[in-house]
Structures are given as C-alpha cells and as structure tokens.
Amino acid sequence: EVQLVESGGGLVQPGGSLRLSCQASGYPFSSHAMSWVRQAPGKGLEWVSNIDSDGTTYYRESVKGRFTISRDNAKNTVYLQMNSVNLEDAAVYYCNAVKSWGQGTQVTVSS
C-alpha cells in the first residue's frame, strides 16, 4: 500500500522560511518522480514543483528562486524548502506520487 505522509507545515511570517517533508512508503521511491501540489482556501489544486527520479527539478513560475525541492532516496523522503514566503503561499500542501496523495500539511502565512 502506497503511503505519503507530509509534515513540517505551520505558521510562518511573510518573508520567513519553512521546510516541508513527505515520507513515502509502499513503492520503489527512488524510481519515481514526486510532486508538491497546494490548495489555497476556496481555490483549486495548484502544482508547485516536481522532482524526477534523476533529480531534475521543475517549479511553477511564482515560486522559482524561493522554493527548492529535493529528495533523499535513502530516507524515502522528498522536501520542499520554502524561503521568502508570501501571503499567496498560504495553502494546504500535498505530495503526490504514483497516483497517490498524502493527507496534506497546512501552511499559514501571517504576521
């Protein structure tokens, strides 16, 4: 059974930083791409970033230069380092892989 468990969300001030983690199990982690997707209140799902099995990364334009996705295949974990966070980054963040989703982790941005 595929399981994806996000963690690391919380309250952050504008301009602050946060690191999200997604622990994966139940499938060959190193062989598959991982994605971060977010959903702000009242809005639809929005793709944020992707990391391929070979480590190639992709970002939506609004987070380029601020967010960094990475993976640790030894720990079956993908990370999303969020820097210079702004109000538009507030959302529930989900990791996605092999057509499965985690439960999400809430990121709240407030001064």
Protein backbone atom coordinates (compact mmCIF):
# COMPACT_ATOMS: atom_id res chain seq x y z
CA GLU A 1 0.00 0.00 0.00
CA VAL A 2 1.37 3.38 -1.03
CA GLN A 3 1.56 5.90 1.80
CA LEU A 4 2.62 9.54 1.63
CA VAL A 5 2.86 11.47 4.87
CA GLU A 6 3.52 15.20 4.81
CA SER A 7 4.86 17.19 7.73
CA GLY A 8 6.51 20.49 8.51
CA GLY A 9 3.65 22.89 7.93
CA GLY A 10 2.77 25.63 10.36
CA LEU A 11 2.59 29.35 10.88
CA VAL A 12 5.24 31.47 9.18
CA GLN A 13 5.64 35.20 8.86
CA PRO A 14 5.87 36.84 5.45
CA GLY A 15 9.47 36.65 4.36
CA GLY A 16 10.10 33.63 6.56
CA SER A 17 11.07 30.07 5.78
CA LEU A 18 9.60 26.64 6.25
CA ARG A 19 10.65 23.15 5.19
CA LEU A 20 8.03 20.59 4.28
CA SER A 21 8.73 16.86 4.22
CA CYS A 22 6.94 13.96 2.61
CA GLN A 23 7.76 10.46 3.79
CA ALA A 24 6.87 7.79 1.25
CA SER A 25 6.43 4.04 1.58
CA GLY A 26 4.93 1.10 -0.28
CA TYR A 27 6.61 1.55 -3.65
CA PRO A 28 10.14 1.91 -5.12
CA PHE A 29 10.64 5.52 -4.12
CA SER A 30 13.88 6.17 -5.99
CA SER A 31 12.33 5.13 -9.32
CA HIS A 32 9.52 7.65 -9.34
CA ALA A 33 9.01 11.37 -9.64
CA MET A 34 7.50 13.29 -6.76
CA SER A 35 5.38 16.42 -6.84
CA TRP A 36 4.20 19.08 -4.45
CA VAL A 37 0.73 20.49 -5.08
CA ARG A 38 -1.10 23.07 -2.99
CA GLN A 39 -4.64 24.23 -2.44
CA ALA A 40 -5.44 27.63 -1.03
CA PRO A 41 -8.79 28.25 0.68
CA GLY A 42 -11.57 28.43 -1.89
CA LYS A 43 -9.25 27.64 -4.79
CA GLY A 44 -8.39 24.61 -6.85
CA LEU A 45 -5.29 22.47 -6.77
CA GLU A 46 -2.14 24.21 -7.97
CA TRP A 47 1.02 22.41 -8.99
CA VAL A 48 4.08 23.79 -7.20
CA SER A 49 7.12 21.69 -8.01
CA ASN A 50 8.30 18.36 -9.28
CA ILE A 51 11.46 16.29 -8.95
CA ASP A 52 12.16 13.43 -11.30
CA SER A 53 13.83 10.18 -10.33
CA ASP A 54 17.10 11.52 -11.77
CA GLY A 55 16.86 14.66 -9.63
CA THR A 56 15.72 17.04 -12.36
CA THR A 57 13.55 19.73 -10.82
CA TYR A 58 10.70 21.90 -12.07
CA TYR A 59 8.90 24.84 -10.47
CA ARG A 60 5.90 26.98 -11.12
CA GLU A 61 6.99 30.48 -12.05
CA SER A 62 5.74 32.15 -8.87
CA VAL A 63 7.98 30.05 -6.61
CA LYS A 64 11.14 29.94 -8.72
CA GLY A 65 14.11 31.24 -6.78
CA ARG A 66 12.24 30.92 -3.47
CA PHE A 67 11.35 27.23 -3.17
CA THR A 68 13.69 24.27 -3.53
CA ILE A 69 12.56 20.69 -3.95
CA SER A 70 14.93 17.87 -3.08
CA ARG A 71 14.84 14.19 -2.34
CA ASP A 72 16.70 11.77 -0.12
CA ASN A 73 16.30 8.31 -1.60
CA ALA A 74 17.93 6.70 1.44
CA LYS A 75 15.13 8.11 3.59
CA ASN A 76 12.32 7.80 1.03
CA THR A 77 11.64 11.46 1.63
CA VAL A 78 11.07 14.49 -0.53
CA TYR A 79 11.46 18.02 0.82
CA LEU A 80 10.20 21.44 -0.12
CA GLN A 81 12.30 24.27 1.27
CA MET A 82 10.20 27.41 1.21
CA ASN A 83 12.03 30.73 1.55
CA SER A 84 10.78 34.30 1.29
CA VAL A 85 7.27 33.04 1.88
CA ASN A 86 4.45 35.42 0.98
CA LEU A 87 0.71 35.54 1.61
CA GLU A 88 -0.02 33.80 -1.70
CA ASP A 89 1.87 30.73 -0.49
CA ALA A 90 -0.67 30.01 2.24
CA ALA A 91 -2.33 26.70 1.42
CA VAL A 92 -2.55 23.05 2.25
CA TYR A 93 0.44 21.38 0.64
CA TYR A 94 0.18 17.83 -0.66
CA CYS A 95 2.79 15.50 -2.04
CA ASN A 96 1.85 13.32 -4.94
CA ALA A 97 3.43 10.27 -6.47
CA VAL A 98 2.35 7.10 -8.29
CA LYS A 99 -1.21 8.45 -8.45
CA SER A 100 -1.36 8.68 -4.66
CA TRP A 101 -1.73 11.63 -2.33
CA GLY A 102 -0.82 12.41 1.23
CA GLN A 103 -3.18 14.00 3.73
CA GLY A 104 -1.60 17.42 3.34
CA THR A 105 0.13 19.85 5.66
CA GLN A 106 -1.18 23.35 6.33
CA VAL A 107 0.99 26.39 5.70
CA THR A 108 -0.35 29.59 7.22
CA VAL A 109 1.30 32.90 6.41
CA SER A 110 0.61 35.72 8.80
CA SER A 111 2.39 38.49 10.62
